[in-house]
Amino acid sequence: MNSKIVQTDKPYRRKILVVMFIVVLAGLALFQWLVPWANKTVQQIDPQKGLTLVRCALIIMFLAIVSSAAYLAFFGRKVLKHRSFPPPGVKVLRDTRLVEGAAATIRGQIIILLSLLLFIFGLYGILVTLYKLYLFIGR
């Protein structure tokens, strides 16, 4: 059993926690003020422009999923290349036992498989949602 430990990068962890806190606050603020504004705006604009806005918003949401899948695939390939998890140079938020060899390769393969599934579901979501919207609208 490997007893190597990848040490926590405490300044990085603090930075991540501050960023997460700010993102949560920004999300709550957006939800509080943006949703009522969006409801009012959507009711006032012409339906075709509203549908265009909805399409754009849906595509942006699904593209976020697809880009996350791409990052996970990149990370999984890095794990496979170095045969270690976490791969060299990756900052960790807590002390992490280093896994090497076959066990790391399996983890890398699982990460790549999950990223592929996430990509497929994201792409499926984009296509099906736009198709259903097309059927609903009739154009």
N, C-alpha and C. Protein backbone atom coordinates (compact mmCIF):
# COMPACT_ATOMS: atom_id res chain seq x y z
N MET A 1 0.84 -1.18 0.00
CA MET A 1 0.00 0.00 0.00
C MET A 1 0.88 1.24 0.00
N ASN A 2 0.54 2.19 -0.84
CA ASN A 2 1.30 3.42 -0.97
C ASN A 2 0.90 4.37 0.15
N SER A 3 1.90 4.95 0.83
CA SER A 3 1.59 5.85 1.94
C SER A 3 1.98 7.30 1.62
N LYS A 4 2.22 7.60 0.34
CA LYS A 4 2.54 8.98 -0.03
C LYS A 4 1.28 9.83 0.08
N ILE A 5 1.45 11.02 0.61
CA ILE A 5 0.34 11.94 0.79
C ILE A 5 0.65 13.23 0.01
N VAL A 6 -0.32 13.67 -0.78
CA VAL A 6 -0.20 14.97 -1.44
C VAL A 6 -0.75 16.00 -0.45
N GLN A 7 0.10 16.95 -0.06
CA GLN A 7 -0.25 17.91 0.98
C GLN A 7 -1.23 18.96 0.47
N THR A 8 -2.05 19.43 1.40
CA THR A 8 -3.01 20.49 1.12
C THR A 8 -2.27 21.78 0.80
N ASP A 9 -2.75 22.49 -0.19
CA ASP A 9 -2.26 23.84 -0.48
C ASP A 9 -3.23 24.79 0.22
N LYS A 10 -2.87 25.20 1.46
CA LYS A 10 -3.81 25.97 2.29
C LYS A 10 -4.18 27.33 1.69
N PRO A 11 -3.24 28.09 1.13
CA PRO A 11 -3.67 29.36 0.50
C PRO A 11 -4.63 29.13 -0.67
N TYR A 12 -4.41 28.06 -1.43
CA TYR A 12 -5.29 27.73 -2.55
C TYR A 12 -6.68 27.35 -2.03
N ARG A 13 -6.72 26.56 -0.95
CA ARG A 13 -8.00 26.16 -0.37
C ARG A 13 -8.77 27.39 0.11
N ARG A 14 -8.08 28.31 0.77
CA ARG A 14 -8.72 29.53 1.25
C ARG A 14 -9.26 30.34 0.07
N LYS A 15 -8.47 30.43 -0.98
CA LYS A 15 -8.88 31.18 -2.17
C LYS A 15 -10.14 30.54 -2.79
N ILE A 16 -10.16 29.22 -2.92
CA ILE A 16 -11.31 28.51 -3.47
C ILE A 16 -12.56 28.73 -2.61
N LEU A 17 -12.41 28.66 -1.30
CA LEU A 17 -13.56 28.86 -0.42
C LEU A 17 -14.10 30.29 -0.53
N VAL A 18 -13.21 31.28 -0.63
CA VAL A 18 -13.66 32.67 -0.80
C VAL A 18 -14.39 32.82 -2.13
N VAL A 19 -13.83 32.26 -3.20
CA VAL A 19 -14.48 32.35 -4.51
C VAL A 19 -15.84 31.67 -4.48
N MET A 20 -15.93 30.49 -3.86
CA MET A 20 -17.21 29.79 -3.77
C MET A 20 -18.23 30.63 -2.99
N PHE A 21 -17.80 31.24 -1.91
CA PHE A 21 -18.69 32.09 -1.10
C PHE A 21 -19.20 33.26 -1.94
N ILE A 22 -18.31 33.90 -2.69
CA ILE A 22 -18.70 35.03 -3.54
C ILE A 22 -19.66 34.58 -4.64
N VAL A 23 -19.40 33.42 -5.23
CA VAL A 23 -20.28 32.91 -6.29
C VAL A 23 -21.67 32.60 -5.73
N VAL A 24 -21.73 32.03 -4.53
CA VAL A 24 -23.04 31.74 -3.92
C VAL A 24 -23.78 33.04 -3.63
N LEU A 25 -23.08 34.03 -3.09
CA LEU A 25 -23.73 35.32 -2.83
C LEU A 25 -24.21 35.97 -4.13
N ALA A 26 -23.38 35.92 -5.15
CA ALA A 26 -23.76 36.49 -6.44
C ALA A 26 -24.97 35.75 -7.02
N GLY A 27 -24.98 34.42 -6.88
CA GLY A 27 -26.12 33.63 -7.35
C GLY A 27 -27.40 33.98 -6.63
N LEU A 28 -27.31 34.14 -5.31
CA LEU A 28 -28.49 34.54 -4.55
C LEU A 28 -28.97 35.94 -4.95
N ALA A 29 -28.03 36.86 -5.14
CA ALA A 29 -28.40 38.21 -5.57
C ALA A 29 -29.05 38.18 -6.95
N LEU A 30 -28.45 37.42 -7.86
CA LEU A 30 -29.03 37.32 -9.20
C LEU A 30 -30.43 36.74 -9.15
N PHE A 31 -30.58 35.70 -8.34
CA PHE A 31 -31.90 35.08 -8.23
C PHE A 31 -32.91 36.07 -7.65
N GLN A 32 -32.48 36.84 -6.66
CA GLN A 32 -33.37 37.79 -6.00
C GLN A 32 -33.82 38.90 -6.93
N TRP A 33 -32.88 39.44 -7.74
CA TRP A 33 -33.22 40.62 -8.54
C TRP A 33 -33.38 40.33 -10.02
N LEU A 34 -32.69 39.33 -10.53
CA LEU A 34 -32.75 39.07 -11.97
C LEU A 34 -34.04 38.36 -12.38
N VAL A 35 -34.51 37.45 -11.56
CA VAL A 35 -35.72 36.69 -11.92
C VAL A 35 -36.94 37.60 -12.06
N PRO A 36 -37.21 38.47 -11.09
CA PRO A 36 -38.36 39.38 -11.30
C PRO A 36 -38.18 40.28 -12.51
N TRP A 37 -36.98 40.78 -12.73
CA TRP A 37 -36.71 41.61 -13.90
C TRP A 37 -36.94 40.82 -15.19
N ALA A 38 -36.46 39.56 -15.22
CA ALA A 38 -36.62 38.73 -16.42
C ALA A 38 -38.10 38.44 -16.67
N ASN A 39 -38.87 38.15 -15.63
CA ASN A 39 -40.31 37.91 -15.80
C ASN A 39 -41.01 39.14 -16.39
N LYS A 40 -40.67 40.29 -15.86
CA LYS A 40 -41.28 41.53 -16.35
C LYS A 40 -40.87 41.79 -17.81
N THR A 41 -39.60 41.59 -18.10
CA THR A 41 -39.09 41.84 -19.45
C THR A 41 -39.70 40.89 -20.46
N VAL A 42 -39.77 39.61 -20.11
CA VAL A 42 -40.31 38.61 -21.03
C VAL A 42 -41.77 38.89 -21.34
N GLN A 43 -42.51 39.39 -20.38
CA GLN A 43 -43.91 39.71 -20.62
C GLN A 43 -44.08 40.91 -21.55
N GLN A 44 -43.08 41.78 -21.60
CA GLN A 44 -43.19 42.99 -22.40
C GLN A 44 -42.66 42.85 -23.82
N ILE A 45 -41.77 41.90 -24.06
CA ILE A 45 -41.19 41.80 -25.40
C ILE A 45 -42.05 40.92 -26.29
N ASP A 46 -41.76 41.01 -27.57
CA ASP A 46 -42.53 40.22 -28.53
C ASP A 46 -42.17 38.74 -28.39
N PRO A 47 -43.13 37.83 -28.59
CA PRO A 47 -42.91 36.40 -28.34
C PRO A 47 -41.72 35.80 -29.11
N GLN A 48 -41.49 36.26 -30.33
CA GLN A 48 -40.38 35.69 -31.11
C GLN A 48 -39.03 36.02 -30.46
N LYS A 49 -38.89 37.25 -29.97
CA LYS A 49 -37.65 37.62 -29.28
C LYS A 49 -37.51 36.84 -27.97
N GLY A 50 -38.64 36.63 -27.30
CA GLY A 50 -38.61 35.86 -26.06
C GLY A 50 -38.14 34.43 -26.30
N LEU A 51 -38.62 33.82 -27.38
CA LEU A 51 -38.20 32.46 -27.71
C LEU A 51 -36.72 32.41 -28.07
N THR A 52 -36.24 33.43 -28.75
CA THR A 52 -34.82 33.50 -29.07
C THR A 52 -34.00 33.59 -27.79
N LEU A 53 -34.46 34.38 -26.83
CA LEU A 53 -33.77 34.47 -25.55
C LEU A 53 -33.77 33.13 -24.81
N VAL A 54 -34.90 32.46 -24.84
CA VAL A 54 -34.99 31.14 -24.18
C VAL A 54 -34.04 30.15 -24.83
N ARG A 55 -34.00 30.14 -26.16
CA ARG A 55 -33.08 29.24 -26.87
C ARG A 55 -31.63 29.53 -26.49
N CYS A 56 -31.28 30.80 -26.49
CA CYS A 56 -29.90 31.17 -26.14
C CYS A 56 -29.56 30.76 -24.71
N ALA A 57 -30.47 31.00 -23.78
CA ALA A 57 -30.23 30.63 -22.39
C ALA A 57 -30.06 29.12 -22.25
N LEU A 58 -30.90 28.34 -22.92
CA LEU A 58 -30.79 26.89 -22.85
C LEU A 58 -29.47 26.40 -23.44
N ILE A 59 -29.08 26.97 -24.56
CA ILE A 59 -27.83 26.55 -25.19
C ILE A 59 -26.65 26.88 -24.27
N ILE A 60 -26.67 28.05 -23.65
CA ILE A 60 -25.58 28.42 -22.74
C ILE A 60 -25.51 27.46 -21.56
N MET A 61 -26.67 27.09 -21.01
CA MET A 61 -26.68 26.15 -19.88
C MET A 61 -26.11 24.80 -20.28
N PHE A 62 -26.52 24.29 -21.42
CA PHE A 62 -26.02 22.98 -21.85
C PHE A 62 -24.56 23.05 -22.27
N LEU A 63 -24.12 24.17 -22.81
CA LEU A 63 -22.70 24.31 -23.16
C LEU A 63 -21.83 24.30 -21.90
N ALA A 64 -22.35 24.79 -20.80
CA ALA A 64 -21.61 24.71 -19.54
C ALA A 64 -21.40 23.25 -19.14
N ILE A 65 -22.41 22.42 -19.35
CA ILE A 65 -22.29 21.00 -19.04
C ILE A 65 -21.25 20.34 -19.96
N VAL A 66 -21.33 20.66 -21.25
CA VAL A 66 -20.40 20.07 -22.21
C VAL A 66 -18.97 20.52 -21.94
N SER A 67 -18.77 21.77 -21.57
CA SER A 67 -17.41 22.23 -21.27
C SER A 67 -16.87 21.57 -20.00
N SER A 68 -17.73 21.30 -19.03
CA SER A 68 -17.31 20.56 -17.84
C SER A 68 -16.88 19.15 -18.22
N ALA A 69 -17.58 18.55 -19.14
CA ALA A 69 -17.21 17.22 -19.61
C ALA A 69 -15.84 17.25 -20.29
N ALA A 70 -15.58 18.28 -21.06
CA ALA A 70 -14.27 18.40 -21.72
C ALA A 70 -13.15 18.53 -20.70
N TYR A 71 -13.38 19.32 -19.64
CA TYR A 71 -12.36 19.45 -18.59
C TYR A 71 -12.12 18.11 -17.90
N LEU A 72 -13.19 17.39 -17.59
CA LEU A 72 -13.04 16.08 -16.94
C LEU A 72 -12.27 15.10 -17.83
N ALA A 73 -12.53 15.13 -19.13
CA ALA A 73 -11.80 14.26 -20.05
C ALA A 73 -10.31 14.61 -20.05
N PHE A 74 -10.01 15.90 -20.06
CA PHE A 74 -8.61 16.35 -20.00
C PHE A 74 -7.95 15.87 -18.71
N PHE A 75 -8.66 16.01 -17.59
CA PHE A 75 -8.12 15.58 -16.30
C PHE A 75 -7.92 14.06 -16.28
N GLY A 76 -8.88 13.31 -16.81
CA GLY A 76 -8.76 11.85 -16.86
C GLY A 76 -7.57 11.41 -17.70
N ARG A 77 -7.35 12.09 -18.83
CA ARG A 77 -6.19 11.76 -19.68
C ARG A 77 -4.88 12.05 -18.95
N LYS A 78 -4.89 13.12 -18.16
CA LYS A 78 -3.69 13.46 -17.38
C LYS A 78 -3.41 12.37 -16.34
N VAL A 79 -4.46 11.85 -15.72
CA VAL A 79 -4.30 10.76 -14.75
C VAL A 79 -3.73 9.52 -15.45
N LEU A 80 -4.27 9.20 -16.64
CA LEU A 80 -3.77 8.04 -17.39
C LEU A 80 -2.31 8.23 -17.82
N LYS A 81 -1.98 9.43 -18.26
CA LYS A 81 -0.63 9.70 -18.74
C LYS A 81 0.40 9.52 -17.63
N HIS A 82 0.11 10.05 -16.45
CA HIS A 82 1.07 10.00 -15.34
C HIS A 82 0.91 8.77 -14.45
N ARG A 83 -0.19 8.02 -14.66
CA ARG A 83 -0.48 6.84 -13.85
C ARG A 83 -0.43 7.14 -12.36
N SER A 84 -0.96 8.32 -12.02
CA SER A 84 -1.06 8.70 -10.61
C SER A 84 -2.28 9.59 -10.41
N PHE A 85 -2.90 9.41 -9.25
CA PHE A 85 -4.07 10.21 -8.91
C PHE A 85 -3.91 10.74 -7.50
N PRO A 86 -3.89 12.03 -7.30
CA PRO A 86 -3.98 13.10 -8.29
C PRO A 86 -2.70 13.21 -9.11
N PRO A 87 -2.82 13.68 -10.35
CA PRO A 87 -1.63 13.80 -11.19
C PRO A 87 -0.69 14.87 -10.65
N PRO A 88 0.58 14.83 -11.06
CA PRO A 88 1.55 15.83 -10.59
C PRO A 88 1.11 17.25 -10.95
N GLY A 89 1.32 18.16 -10.01
CA GLY A 89 1.01 19.56 -10.26
C GLY A 89 -0.40 19.96 -9.91
N VAL A 90 -1.26 19.00 -9.56
CA VAL A 90 -2.64 19.32 -9.21
C VAL A 90 -2.69 19.72 -7.74
N LYS A 91 -3.32 20.86 -7.48
CA LYS A 91 -3.47 21.32 -6.10
C LYS A 91 -4.67 20.61 -5.49
N VAL A 92 -4.53 20.21 -4.23
CA VAL A 92 -5.61 19.51 -3.55
C VAL A 92 -6.12 20.37 -2.40
N LEU A 93 -7.40 20.21 -2.08
CA LEU A 93 -8.02 21.01 -1.03
C LEU A 93 -7.89 20.37 0.35
N ARG A 94 -7.53 19.10 0.39
CA ARG A 94 -7.25 18.42 1.66
C ARG A 94 -6.18 17.38 1.40
N ASP A 95 -5.51 16.94 2.46
CA ASP A 95 -4.47 15.93 2.29
C ASP A 95 -5.06 14.71 1.59
N THR A 96 -4.38 14.27 0.54
CA THR A 96 -4.90 13.21 -0.30
C THR A 96 -3.85 12.13 -0.49
N ARG A 97 -4.26 10.88 -0.30
CA ARG A 97 -3.35 9.76 -0.51
C ARG A 97 -3.09 9.62 -2.00
N LEU A 98 -1.83 9.53 -2.37
CA LEU A 98 -1.45 9.38 -3.77
C LEU A 98 -1.68 7.94 -4.21
N VAL A 99 -2.44 7.77 -5.27
CA VAL A 99 -2.70 6.45 -5.83
C VAL A 99 -1.91 6.35 -7.13
N GLU A 100 -1.14 5.27 -7.28
CA GLU A 100 -0.32 5.10 -8.48
C GLU A 100 -0.57 3.74 -9.11
N GLY A 101 -0.14 3.63 -10.36
CA GLY A 101 -0.20 2.34 -11.05
C GLY A 101 -1.58 2.01 -11.58
N ALA A 102 -1.93 0.72 -11.44
CA ALA A 102 -3.19 0.21 -12.01
C ALA A 102 -4.41 0.88 -11.38
N ALA A 103 -4.36 1.12 -10.09
CA ALA A 103 -5.50 1.76 -9.42
C ALA A 103 -5.73 3.17 -9.96
N ALA A 104 -4.66 3.90 -10.21
CA ALA A 104 -4.79 5.24 -10.78
C ALA A 104 -5.31 5.17 -12.21
N THR A 105 -4.86 4.18 -12.96
CA THR A 105 -5.31 4.01 -14.34
C THR A 105 -6.82 3.75 -14.37
N ILE A 106 -7.29 2.92 -13.46
CA ILE A 106 -8.73 2.64 -13.38
C ILE A 106 -9.49 3.92 -13.06
N ARG A 107 -8.97 4.72 -12.14
CA ARG A 107 -9.63 5.99 -11.82
C ARG A 107 -9.66 6.93 -13.03
N GLY A 108 -8.56 6.98 -13.74
CA GLY A 108 -8.51 7.81 -14.94
C GLY A 108 -9.52 7.35 -15.98
N GLN A 109 -9.64 6.04 -16.17
CA GLN A 109 -10.61 5.51 -17.12
C GLN A 109 -12.04 5.82 -16.70
N ILE A 110 -12.31 5.72 -15.40
CA ILE A 110 -13.65 6.03 -14.89
C ILE A 110 -13.96 7.51 -15.11
N ILE A 111 -12.98 8.37 -14.85
CA ILE A 111 -13.20 9.81 -15.07
C ILE A 111 -13.50 10.09 -16.53
N ILE A 112 -12.75 9.46 -17.44
CA ILE A 112 -12.99 9.66 -18.87
C ILE A 112 -14.36 9.12 -19.27
N LEU A 113 -14.74 7.96 -18.75
CA LEU A 113 -16.06 7.40 -19.05
C LEU A 113 -17.17 8.32 -18.57
N LEU A 114 -17.03 8.83 -17.34
CA LEU A 114 -18.05 9.73 -16.82
C LEU A 114 -18.10 11.04 -17.60
N SER A 115 -16.93 11.52 -18.05
CA SER A 115 -16.94 12.74 -18.86
C SER A 115 -17.61 12.50 -20.19
N LEU A 116 -17.42 11.32 -20.75
CA LEU A 116 -18.08 10.97 -22.01
C LEU A 116 -19.60 10.93 -21.82
N LEU A 117 -20.05 10.32 -20.73
CA LEU A 117 -21.49 10.28 -20.44
C LEU A 117 -22.05 11.68 -20.23
N LEU A 118 -21.31 12.52 -19.51
CA LEU A 118 -21.74 13.89 -19.29
C LEU A 118 -21.83 14.65 -20.61
N PHE A 119 -20.86 14.43 -21.50
CA PHE A 119 -20.87 15.06 -22.81
C PHE A 119 -22.09 14.61 -23.62
N ILE A 120 -22.34 13.30 -23.62
CA ILE A 120 -23.48 12.76 -24.37
C ILE A 120 -24.80 13.31 -23.84
N PHE A 121 -24.96 13.32 -22.50
CA PHE A 121 -26.19 13.85 -21.92
C PHE A 121 -26.33 15.34 -22.18
N GLY A 122 -25.24 16.09 -22.13
CA GLY A 122 -25.29 17.51 -22.43
C GLY A 122 -25.69 17.77 -23.87
N LEU A 123 -25.08 17.03 -24.79
CA LEU A 123 -25.42 17.18 -26.21
C LEU A 123 -26.86 16.74 -26.47
N TYR A 124 -27.26 15.65 -25.86
CA TYR A 124 -28.63 15.17 -25.98
C TYR A 124 -29.60 16.23 -25.45
N GLY A 125 -29.24 16.83 -24.33
CA GLY A 125 -30.10 17.87 -23.75
C GLY A 125 -30.26 19.05 -24.68
N ILE A 126 -29.16 19.49 -25.29
CA ILE A 126 -29.24 20.60 -26.24
C ILE A 126 -30.16 20.25 -27.39
N LEU A 127 -29.91 19.10 -28.01
CA LEU A 127 -30.65 18.73 -29.22
C LEU A 127 -32.13 18.47 -28.93
N VAL A 128 -32.42 17.72 -27.88
CA VAL A 128 -33.82 17.39 -27.57
C VAL A 128 -34.59 18.63 -27.15
N THR A 129 -33.97 19.46 -26.33
CA THR A 129 -34.66 20.66 -25.88
C THR A 129 -34.98 21.59 -27.04
N LEU A 130 -34.00 21.79 -27.91
CA LEU A 130 -34.25 22.65 -29.06
C LEU A 130 -35.29 22.03 -30.00
N TYR A 131 -35.24 20.71 -30.16
CA TYR A 131 -36.22 20.03 -31.01
C TYR A 131 -37.63 20.16 -30.42
N LYS A 132 -37.76 19.94 -29.12
CA LYS A 132 -39.08 20.06 -28.47
C LYS A 132 -39.58 21.50 -28.54
N LEU A 133 -38.68 22.45 -28.39
CA LEU A 133 -39.07 23.85 -28.53
C LEU A 133 -39.52 24.14 -29.95
N TYR A 134 -38.81 23.55 -30.91
CA TYR A 134 -39.19 23.70 -32.33
C TYR A 134 -40.58 23.12 -32.57
N LEU A 135 -40.87 21.93 -32.03
CA LEU A 135 -42.18 21.32 -32.19
C LEU A 135 -43.27 22.15 -31.52
N PHE A 136 -42.95 22.69 -30.36
CA PHE A 136 -43.92 23.49 -29.62
C PHE A 136 -44.26 24.77 -30.37
N ILE A 137 -43.25 25.39 -30.96
CA ILE A 137 -43.44 26.66 -31.66
C ILE A 137 -44.02 26.42 -33.04
N GLY A 138 -43.56 25.36 -33.70
CA GLY A 138 -44.06 25.08 -35.03
C GLY A 138 -43.23 25.69 -36.12
N ARG A 139 -42.05 26.21 -35.79
CA ARG A 139 -41.15 26.74 -36.82
C ARG A 139 -39.74 26.31 -36.56
